[in-house]
Amino acid sequence: MGHLFPRLLAQSEYNQRLKQAATLMEAELRWLAEHTYASAEPLRLMDATPIPCGQPRTTSQRSDLFGWAGYGYESAHSRWYWGVKLLLITTADGTVTGFGLANPKLFGEREATRQILARQPANQPAPGTTVVTDKGLSGQGSEQLFTDLGLLLIRPARKDEKC
């Protein structure tokens, strides 16, 4: 099939074009998410997951992600990692309707949620939407944020909370 592609891009050219198209690609993904069947349902799932980007200290210092990524603790695996925290807002069938990256050293899950919802309006679900999440968003401040945005927050109770 090489005759169909007389000139293939080098890796650096590909990365440069991908960076230039990032805004257009994000707009297309958001349009697609808004026009899927499940996006009409007033239910969203929200969670964060760590994305390790490197282990050695020298990698973290030389990486282009320096400043974006940081050291964070992943309690599920009881380990420290250097990377970013990916926050996703999805429909029940898994279509991503909102997303963001956070430096785990600078932002905890609550503050990252505040950033993704309050400061990036494209990520906000419509008022009246129910958002299901984990115990990481417990606390008066988180519940007030969701109330101010007109969202209903559903999460499991912590051990030290009354049901």
N, C-alpha and C. Protein backbone atom coordinates (compact mmCIF):
# COMPACT_ATOMS: atom_id res chain seq x y z
N MET A 1 0.81 -1.20 0.00
CA MET A 1 0.00 0.00 0.00
C MET A 1 0.85 1.27 0.00
N GLY A 2 2.15 1.10 -0.05
CA GLY A 2 3.03 2.26 -0.05
C GLY A 2 2.81 3.19 -1.22
N HIS A 3 2.37 2.66 -2.37
CA HIS A 3 2.13 3.49 -3.55
C HIS A 3 0.96 4.47 -3.33
N LEU A 4 0.08 4.18 -2.37
CA LEU A 4 -1.05 5.07 -2.08
C LEU A 4 -0.63 6.27 -1.22
N PHE A 5 0.52 6.16 -0.57
CA PHE A 5 1.02 7.21 0.31
C PHE A 5 2.44 7.57 -0.11
N PRO A 6 2.60 8.42 -1.12
CA PRO A 6 3.94 8.70 -1.62
C PRO A 6 4.85 9.38 -0.60
N ARG A 7 4.28 10.11 0.35
CA ARG A 7 5.11 10.77 1.37
C ARG A 7 4.44 10.64 2.73
N LEU A 8 5.06 9.91 3.62
CA LEU A 8 4.55 9.78 4.98
C LEU A 8 5.20 10.83 5.87
N LEU A 9 4.45 11.33 6.83
CA LEU A 9 4.98 12.33 7.75
C LEU A 9 5.99 11.70 8.71
N ALA A 10 6.99 12.47 9.05
CA ALA A 10 7.91 12.05 10.10
C ALA A 10 7.21 12.25 11.44
N GLN A 11 7.74 11.66 12.49
CA GLN A 11 7.11 11.75 13.81
C GLN A 11 6.96 13.19 14.27
N SER A 12 7.98 14.02 14.08
CA SER A 12 7.90 15.41 14.53
C SER A 12 6.86 16.20 13.73
N GLU A 13 6.76 15.93 12.41
CA GLU A 13 5.74 16.60 11.61
C GLU A 13 4.33 16.19 12.05
N TYR A 14 4.17 14.91 12.33
CA TYR A 14 2.88 14.40 12.79
C TYR A 14 2.48 15.07 14.11
N ASN A 15 3.41 15.12 15.05
CA ASN A 15 3.12 15.74 16.36
C ASN A 15 2.78 17.21 16.21
N GLN A 16 3.48 17.91 15.33
CA GLN A 16 3.21 19.32 15.12
C GLN A 16 1.80 19.53 14.54
N ARG A 17 1.43 18.74 13.57
CA ARG A 17 0.09 18.86 12.98
C ARG A 17 -1.00 18.47 13.98
N LEU A 18 -0.70 17.47 14.81
CA LEU A 18 -1.67 17.06 15.82
C LEU A 18 -1.91 18.17 16.83
N LYS A 19 -0.84 18.84 17.26
CA LYS A 19 -0.98 19.96 18.19
C LYS A 19 -1.79 21.09 17.57
N GLN A 20 -1.55 21.38 16.30
CA GLN A 20 -2.28 22.44 15.62
C GLN A 20 -3.76 22.12 15.47
N ALA A 21 -4.08 20.84 15.38
CA ALA A 21 -5.47 20.42 15.19
C ALA A 21 -6.19 20.13 16.51
N ALA A 22 -5.53 20.32 17.65
CA ALA A 22 -6.11 19.95 18.94
C ALA A 22 -7.43 20.67 19.22
N THR A 23 -7.50 21.96 18.95
CA THR A 23 -8.74 22.71 19.21
C THR A 23 -9.88 22.21 18.34
N LEU A 24 -9.59 21.96 17.08
CA LEU A 24 -10.61 21.44 16.16
C LEU A 24 -11.07 20.05 16.59
N MET A 25 -10.12 19.20 16.98
CA MET A 25 -10.47 17.85 17.41
C MET A 25 -11.32 17.87 18.68
N GLU A 26 -11.00 18.78 19.62
CA GLU A 26 -11.81 18.88 20.83
C GLU A 26 -13.22 19.34 20.50
N ALA A 27 -13.35 20.31 19.61
CA ALA A 27 -14.68 20.78 19.20
C ALA A 27 -15.48 19.66 18.56
N GLU A 28 -14.85 18.86 17.72
CA GLU A 28 -15.53 17.74 17.07
C GLU A 28 -15.97 16.68 18.08
N LEU A 29 -15.10 16.38 19.03
CA LEU A 29 -15.46 15.39 20.05
C LEU A 29 -16.63 15.88 20.90
N ARG A 30 -16.63 17.15 21.25
CA ARG A 30 -17.75 17.70 22.04
C ARG A 30 -19.04 17.68 21.23
N TRP A 31 -18.97 18.02 19.93
CA TRP A 31 -20.16 17.97 19.09
C TRP A 31 -20.70 16.55 19.02
N LEU A 32 -19.82 15.59 18.82
CA LEU A 32 -20.22 14.19 18.74
C LEU A 32 -20.86 13.74 20.04
N ALA A 33 -20.26 14.13 21.18
CA ALA A 33 -20.81 13.74 22.48
C ALA A 33 -22.20 14.33 22.70
N GLU A 34 -22.42 15.56 22.25
CA GLU A 34 -23.72 16.22 22.43
C GLU A 34 -24.81 15.60 21.55
N HIS A 35 -24.42 14.97 20.46
CA HIS A 35 -25.39 14.44 19.52
C HIS A 35 -25.55 12.92 19.57
N THR A 36 -25.07 12.30 20.61
CA THR A 36 -25.30 10.87 20.79
C THR A 36 -26.58 10.67 21.58
N TYR A 37 -27.13 9.50 21.46
CA TYR A 37 -28.41 9.19 22.10
C TYR A 37 -28.33 9.34 23.62
N ALA A 38 -27.27 8.85 24.24
CA ALA A 38 -27.18 8.85 25.70
C ALA A 38 -26.98 10.24 26.28
N SER A 39 -26.53 11.21 25.48
CA SER A 39 -26.30 12.55 26.03
C SER A 39 -27.60 13.26 26.41
N ALA A 40 -28.73 12.76 25.92
CA ALA A 40 -30.02 13.35 26.28
C ALA A 40 -30.46 12.95 27.68
N GLU A 41 -29.88 11.88 28.22
CA GLU A 41 -30.24 11.44 29.57
C GLU A 41 -29.63 12.36 30.61
N PRO A 42 -30.37 12.70 31.65
CA PRO A 42 -29.85 13.60 32.69
C PRO A 42 -29.03 12.86 33.75
N LEU A 43 -28.10 12.02 33.32
CA LEU A 43 -27.25 11.26 34.23
C LEU A 43 -25.82 11.29 33.72
N ARG A 44 -24.89 11.62 34.61
CA ARG A 44 -23.47 11.61 34.26
C ARG A 44 -22.69 10.87 35.34
N LEU A 45 -21.63 10.21 34.93
CA LEU A 45 -20.71 9.55 35.83
C LEU A 45 -19.42 10.35 35.83
N MET A 46 -18.83 10.52 37.01
CA MET A 46 -17.61 11.33 37.11
C MET A 46 -16.59 10.62 37.97
N ASP A 47 -15.35 10.54 37.48
CA ASP A 47 -14.29 9.91 38.26
C ASP A 47 -12.95 10.42 37.77
N ALA A 48 -11.93 10.18 38.57
CA ALA A 48 -10.56 10.58 38.23
C ALA A 48 -9.67 9.36 38.32
N THR A 49 -8.67 9.31 37.47
CA THR A 49 -7.71 8.22 37.50
C THR A 49 -6.31 8.78 37.27
N PRO A 50 -5.32 8.23 37.97
CA PRO A 50 -3.96 8.70 37.75
C PRO A 50 -3.38 8.13 36.45
N ILE A 51 -2.63 8.95 35.75
CA ILE A 51 -1.94 8.53 34.54
C ILE A 51 -0.44 8.70 34.78
N PRO A 52 0.27 7.61 35.14
CA PRO A 52 1.71 7.72 35.34
C PRO A 52 2.41 8.04 34.02
N CYS A 53 3.37 8.96 34.06
CA CYS A 53 4.08 9.37 32.85
C CYS A 53 5.55 9.00 32.89
N GLY A 54 6.04 8.53 34.00
CA GLY A 54 7.45 8.15 34.10
C GLY A 54 7.80 7.82 35.52
N GLN A 55 8.82 7.02 35.70
CA GLN A 55 9.23 6.62 37.05
C GLN A 55 10.52 7.31 37.52
N PRO A 56 11.61 7.27 36.74
CA PRO A 56 12.85 7.85 37.25
C PRO A 56 12.78 9.36 37.41
N ARG A 57 13.53 9.87 38.33
CA ARG A 57 13.56 11.31 38.60
C ARG A 57 14.07 12.08 37.38
N THR A 58 15.06 11.54 36.68
CA THR A 58 15.59 12.23 35.51
C THR A 58 14.54 12.36 34.41
N THR A 59 13.67 11.37 34.28
CA THR A 59 12.59 11.45 33.29
C THR A 59 11.66 12.61 33.62
N SER A 60 11.32 12.75 34.88
CA SER A 60 10.41 13.82 35.27
C SER A 60 11.02 15.20 35.06
N GLN A 61 12.32 15.31 35.16
CA GLN A 61 12.97 16.61 34.97
C GLN A 61 13.18 16.97 33.50
N ARG A 62 13.33 15.97 32.65
CA ARG A 62 13.58 16.22 31.23
C ARG A 62 12.30 16.24 30.40
N SER A 63 11.22 15.78 30.94
CA SER A 63 9.99 15.61 30.17
C SER A 63 9.36 16.95 29.79
N ASP A 64 8.68 16.96 28.65
CA ASP A 64 7.90 18.14 28.24
C ASP A 64 6.69 18.35 29.14
N LEU A 65 6.35 17.35 29.93
CA LEU A 65 5.22 17.48 30.84
C LEU A 65 5.60 18.14 32.15
N PHE A 66 6.87 18.48 32.33
CA PHE A 66 7.32 19.13 33.55
C PHE A 66 6.52 20.42 33.74
N GLY A 67 5.89 20.58 34.89
CA GLY A 67 5.00 21.71 35.15
C GLY A 67 3.54 21.29 35.06
N TRP A 68 3.22 20.43 34.10
CA TRP A 68 1.86 19.89 33.99
C TRP A 68 1.70 18.70 34.90
N ALA A 69 2.71 17.85 34.92
CA ALA A 69 2.66 16.64 35.73
C ALA A 69 3.35 16.90 37.07
N GLY A 70 3.07 16.03 38.02
CA GLY A 70 3.68 16.15 39.34
C GLY A 70 3.57 14.82 40.06
N TYR A 71 4.13 14.79 41.26
CA TYR A 71 4.06 13.57 42.05
C TYR A 71 2.73 13.52 42.80
N GLY A 72 2.09 12.37 42.75
CA GLY A 72 0.83 12.16 43.45
C GLY A 72 0.79 10.77 44.03
N TYR A 73 -0.13 10.55 44.97
CA TYR A 73 -0.27 9.25 45.62
C TYR A 73 -1.50 8.56 45.09
N GLU A 74 -1.33 7.33 44.65
CA GLU A 74 -2.44 6.51 44.16
C GLU A 74 -2.79 5.51 45.25
N SER A 75 -3.88 5.78 45.97
CA SER A 75 -4.24 4.94 47.11
C SER A 75 -4.70 3.55 46.70
N ALA A 76 -5.23 3.40 45.50
CA ALA A 76 -5.70 2.08 45.05
C ALA A 76 -4.55 1.08 44.96
N HIS A 77 -3.37 1.55 44.60
CA HIS A 77 -2.21 0.68 44.48
C HIS A 77 -1.15 0.96 45.53
N SER A 78 -1.44 1.86 46.46
CA SER A 78 -0.52 2.24 47.54
C SER A 78 0.86 2.59 47.01
N ARG A 79 0.90 3.53 46.09
CA ARG A 79 2.18 3.93 45.52
C ARG A 79 2.16 5.38 45.08
N TRP A 80 3.35 5.95 44.99
CA TRP A 80 3.53 7.29 44.46
C TRP A 80 3.80 7.18 42.97
N TYR A 81 3.39 8.16 42.21
CA TYR A 81 3.62 8.17 40.77
C TYR A 81 3.93 9.60 40.33
N TRP A 82 4.61 9.72 39.21
CA TRP A 82 4.82 11.02 38.59
C TRP A 82 3.99 11.04 37.32
N GLY A 83 3.05 11.98 37.24
CA GLY A 83 2.17 12.04 36.08
C GLY A 83 1.07 13.06 36.28
N VAL A 84 -0.07 12.78 35.71
CA VAL A 84 -1.23 13.68 35.79
C VAL A 84 -2.44 12.89 36.27
N LYS A 85 -3.46 13.62 36.67
CA LYS A 85 -4.72 13.00 37.05
C LYS A 85 -5.73 13.36 35.98
N LEU A 86 -6.34 12.34 35.38
CA LEU A 86 -7.34 12.53 34.34
C LEU A 86 -8.72 12.47 34.96
N LEU A 87 -9.51 13.53 34.78
CA LEU A 87 -10.88 13.57 35.27
C LEU A 87 -11.82 13.45 34.07
N LEU A 88 -12.77 12.53 34.16
CA LEU A 88 -13.72 12.31 33.08
C LEU A 88 -15.15 12.46 33.56
N ILE A 89 -15.97 13.05 32.73
CA ILE A 89 -17.43 13.09 32.94
C ILE A 89 -18.00 12.35 31.74
N THR A 90 -18.74 11.27 32.00
CA THR A 90 -19.26 10.44 30.92
C THR A 90 -20.75 10.21 31.06
N THR A 91 -21.36 9.77 29.97
CA THR A 91 -22.74 9.31 30.03
C THR A 91 -22.72 7.88 30.57
N ALA A 92 -23.87 7.32 30.80
CA ALA A 92 -23.94 5.96 31.34
C ALA A 92 -23.36 4.92 30.38
N ASP A 93 -23.38 5.20 29.08
CA ASP A 93 -22.81 4.25 28.12
C ASP A 93 -21.33 4.49 27.85
N GLY A 94 -20.73 5.50 28.49
CA GLY A 94 -19.29 5.72 28.38
C GLY A 94 -18.86 6.83 27.46
N THR A 95 -19.78 7.56 26.86
CA THR A 95 -19.41 8.67 25.99
C THR A 95 -18.87 9.81 26.85
N VAL A 96 -17.68 10.27 26.56
CA VAL A 96 -17.04 11.34 27.34
C VAL A 96 -17.69 12.67 26.96
N THR A 97 -18.22 13.38 27.96
CA THR A 97 -18.82 14.69 27.73
C THR A 97 -18.02 15.81 28.37
N GLY A 98 -17.08 15.49 29.22
CA GLY A 98 -16.23 16.48 29.85
C GLY A 98 -14.95 15.82 30.31
N PHE A 99 -13.85 16.58 30.28
CA PHE A 99 -12.58 15.99 30.68
C PHE A 99 -11.61 17.09 31.09
N GLY A 100 -10.58 16.70 31.79
CA GLY A 100 -9.54 17.63 32.18
C GLY A 100 -8.36 16.90 32.79
N LEU A 101 -7.21 17.53 32.74
CA LEU A 101 -6.00 17.00 33.36
C LEU A 101 -5.63 17.90 34.52
N ALA A 102 -5.14 17.30 35.59
CA ALA A 102 -4.73 18.08 36.75
C ALA A 102 -3.39 17.57 37.26
N ASN A 103 -2.59 18.48 37.77
CA ASN A 103 -1.34 18.13 38.41
C ASN A 103 -1.67 17.61 39.80
N PRO A 104 -1.38 16.35 40.12
CA PRO A 104 -1.77 15.81 41.42
C PRO A 104 -1.04 16.45 42.59
N LYS A 105 0.09 17.08 42.32
CA LYS A 105 0.82 17.76 43.39
C LYS A 105 0.14 19.07 43.76
N LEU A 106 -0.46 19.73 42.78
CA LEU A 106 -1.06 21.04 43.01
C LEU A 106 -2.55 20.96 43.36
N PHE A 107 -3.25 19.98 42.78
CA PHE A 107 -4.70 19.92 42.95
C PHE A 107 -5.12 18.55 43.45
N GLY A 108 -5.93 18.53 44.49
CA GLY A 108 -6.58 17.30 44.90
C GLY A 108 -7.79 17.07 44.03
N GLU A 109 -8.50 15.97 44.28
CA GLU A 109 -9.65 15.65 43.43
C GLU A 109 -10.75 16.69 43.54
N ARG A 110 -10.95 17.25 44.74
CA ARG A 110 -12.01 18.26 44.90
C ARG A 110 -11.69 19.53 44.14
N GLU A 111 -10.45 20.02 44.25
CA GLU A 111 -10.07 21.25 43.56
C GLU A 111 -10.03 21.03 42.05
N ALA A 112 -9.58 19.87 41.61
CA ALA A 112 -9.57 19.57 40.18
C ALA A 112 -11.00 19.55 39.63
N THR A 113 -11.94 19.03 40.41
CA THR A 113 -13.34 19.03 40.00
C THR A 113 -13.87 20.46 39.89
N ARG A 114 -13.49 21.29 40.85
CA ARG A 114 -13.90 22.71 40.81
C ARG A 114 -13.36 23.36 39.53
N GLN A 115 -12.10 23.08 39.19
CA GLN A 115 -11.49 23.65 37.99
C GLN A 115 -12.22 23.20 36.72
N ILE A 116 -12.49 21.90 36.64
CA ILE A 116 -13.09 21.34 35.42
C ILE A 116 -14.54 21.79 35.24
N LEU A 117 -15.28 21.97 36.33
CA LEU A 117 -16.69 22.35 36.21
C LEU A 117 -16.91 23.86 36.20
N ALA A 118 -16.27 24.58 37.09
CA ALA A 118 -16.54 26.01 37.24
C ALA A 118 -15.78 26.86 36.23
N ARG A 119 -14.57 26.47 35.90
CA ARG A 119 -13.74 27.32 35.04
C ARG A 119 -13.72 26.90 33.57
N GLN A 120 -14.29 25.75 33.28
CA GLN A 120 -14.37 25.29 31.89
C GLN A 120 -15.83 24.98 31.57
N PRO A 121 -16.61 25.99 31.17
CA PRO A 121 -18.04 25.80 30.97
C PRO A 121 -18.41 24.69 29.98
N ALA A 122 -17.54 24.38 29.04
CA ALA A 122 -17.86 23.32 28.08
C ALA A 122 -17.98 21.96 28.76
N ASN A 123 -17.37 21.81 29.94
CA ASN A 123 -17.43 20.54 30.67
C ASN A 123 -18.67 20.39 31.55
N GLN A 124 -19.39 21.47 31.77
CA GLN A 124 -20.53 21.42 32.68
C GLN A 124 -21.70 20.67 32.09
N PRO A 125 -22.22 19.70 32.85
CA PRO A 125 -23.48 19.09 32.42
C PRO A 125 -24.62 20.12 32.55
N ALA A 126 -25.69 19.88 31.87
CA ALA A 126 -26.84 20.79 31.92
C ALA A 126 -27.42 20.84 33.33
N PRO A 127 -27.93 22.00 33.77
CA PRO A 127 -28.57 22.06 35.09
C PRO A 127 -29.67 21.01 35.20
N GLY A 128 -29.78 20.41 36.38
CA GLY A 128 -30.76 19.36 36.62
C GLY A 128 -30.20 17.97 36.40
N THR A 129 -28.95 17.88 35.95
CA THR A 129 -28.32 16.59 35.71
C THR A 129 -27.87 15.96 37.02
N THR A 130 -28.02 14.67 37.13
CA THR A 130 -27.54 13.91 38.28
C THR A 130 -26.13 13.42 37.99
N VAL A 131 -25.20 13.68 38.90
CA VAL A 131 -23.80 13.27 38.74
C VAL A 131 -23.49 12.23 39.80
N VAL A 132 -23.09 11.04 39.38
CA VAL A 132 -22.73 9.95 40.29
C VAL A 132 -21.21 9.89 40.36
N THR A 133 -20.67 9.89 41.57
CA THR A 133 -19.22 9.88 41.74
C THR A 133 -18.84 9.03 42.95
N ASP A 134 -17.57 9.02 43.29
CA ASP A 134 -17.11 8.22 44.42
C ASP A 134 -16.96 9.09 45.67
N LYS A 135 -16.42 8.50 46.74
CA LYS A 135 -16.29 9.20 48.02
C LYS A 135 -15.29 10.35 47.99
N GLY A 136 -14.47 10.41 46.94
CA GLY A 136 -13.45 11.45 46.87
C GLY A 136 -14.01 12.86 46.84
N LEU A 137 -15.25 13.03 46.47
CA LEU A 137 -15.85 14.36 46.40
C LEU A 137 -16.75 14.67 47.59
N SER A 138 -16.47 14.02 48.71
CA SER A 138 -17.26 14.32 49.90
C SER A 138 -16.82 15.65 50.49
N GLY A 139 -17.70 16.25 51.24
CA GLY A 139 -17.38 17.52 51.89
C GLY A 139 -18.38 18.60 51.51
N GLN A 140 -18.51 19.55 52.41
CA GLN A 140 -19.47 20.64 52.24
C GLN A 140 -19.16 21.48 51.00
N GLY A 141 -17.87 21.76 50.75
CA GLY A 141 -17.50 22.58 49.61
C GLY A 141 -17.86 21.94 48.29
N SER A 142 -17.64 20.64 48.17
CA SER A 142 -17.98 19.93 46.93
C SER A 142 -19.48 19.91 46.71
N GLU A 143 -20.21 19.62 47.75
CA GLU A 143 -21.67 19.57 47.62
C GLU A 143 -22.23 20.95 47.26
N GLN A 144 -21.64 22.01 47.82
CA GLN A 144 -22.09 23.37 47.52
C GLN A 144 -21.80 23.73 46.06
N LEU A 145 -20.64 23.29 45.55
CA LEU A 145 -20.30 23.54 44.15
C LEU A 145 -21.35 22.94 43.22
N PHE A 146 -21.72 21.69 43.47
CA PHE A 146 -22.71 21.03 42.63
C PHE A 146 -24.07 21.71 42.75
N THR A 147 -24.43 22.12 43.96
CA THR A 147 -25.70 22.82 44.16
C THR A 147 -25.71 24.14 43.41
N ASP A 148 -24.60 24.90 43.48
CA ASP A 148 -24.52 26.19 42.79
C ASP A 148 -24.63 26.04 41.28
N LEU A 149 -24.16 24.92 40.75
CA LEU A 149 -24.24 24.68 39.31
C LEU A 149 -25.56 24.05 38.89
N GLY A 150 -26.43 23.77 39.86
CA GLY A 150 -27.73 23.17 39.55
C GLY A 150 -27.65 21.69 39.28
N LEU A 151 -26.64 21.02 39.83
CA LEU A 151 -26.45 19.59 39.63
C LEU A 151 -26.76 18.83 40.91
N LEU A 152 -27.24 17.61 40.78
CA LEU A 152 -27.51 16.75 41.92
C LEU A 152 -26.35 15.77 42.05
N LEU A 153 -25.67 15.80 43.19
CA LEU A 153 -24.53 14.93 43.44
C LEU A 153 -24.97 13.69 44.20
N ILE A 154 -24.62 12.52 43.68
CA ILE A 154 -24.88 11.26 44.38
C ILE A 154 -23.54 10.57 44.57
N ARG A 155 -23.23 10.24 45.81
CA ARG A 155 -21.98 9.56 46.14
C ARG A 155 -22.21 8.69 47.35
N PRO A 156 -21.38 7.65 47.55
CA PRO A 156 -21.53 6.83 48.75
C PRO A 156 -21.07 7.60 49.98
N ALA A 157 -21.63 7.25 51.12
CA ALA A 157 -21.25 7.90 52.38
C ALA A 157 -19.89 7.37 52.83
N ARG A 158 -19.12 8.24 53.45
CA ARG A 158 -17.85 7.81 54.05
C ARG A 158 -18.16 7.09 55.34
N LYS A 159 -17.15 6.39 55.88
CA LYS A 159 -17.34 5.63 57.11
C LYS A 159 -17.68 6.54 58.29
N ASP A 160 -17.14 7.75 58.29
CA ASP A 160 -17.37 8.67 59.41
C ASP A 160 -18.60 9.55 59.23
N GLU A 161 -19.40 9.31 58.20
CA GLU A 161 -20.62 10.08 57.95
C GLU A 161 -21.85 9.27 58.32
N LYS A 162 -22.89 9.99 58.71
CA LYS A 162 -24.18 9.34 58.90
C LYS A 162 -24.87 9.27 57.56
N CYS A 163 -25.56 8.20 57.28
CA CYS A 163 -26.26 8.02 55.99
C CYS A 163 -27.43 8.93 55.85
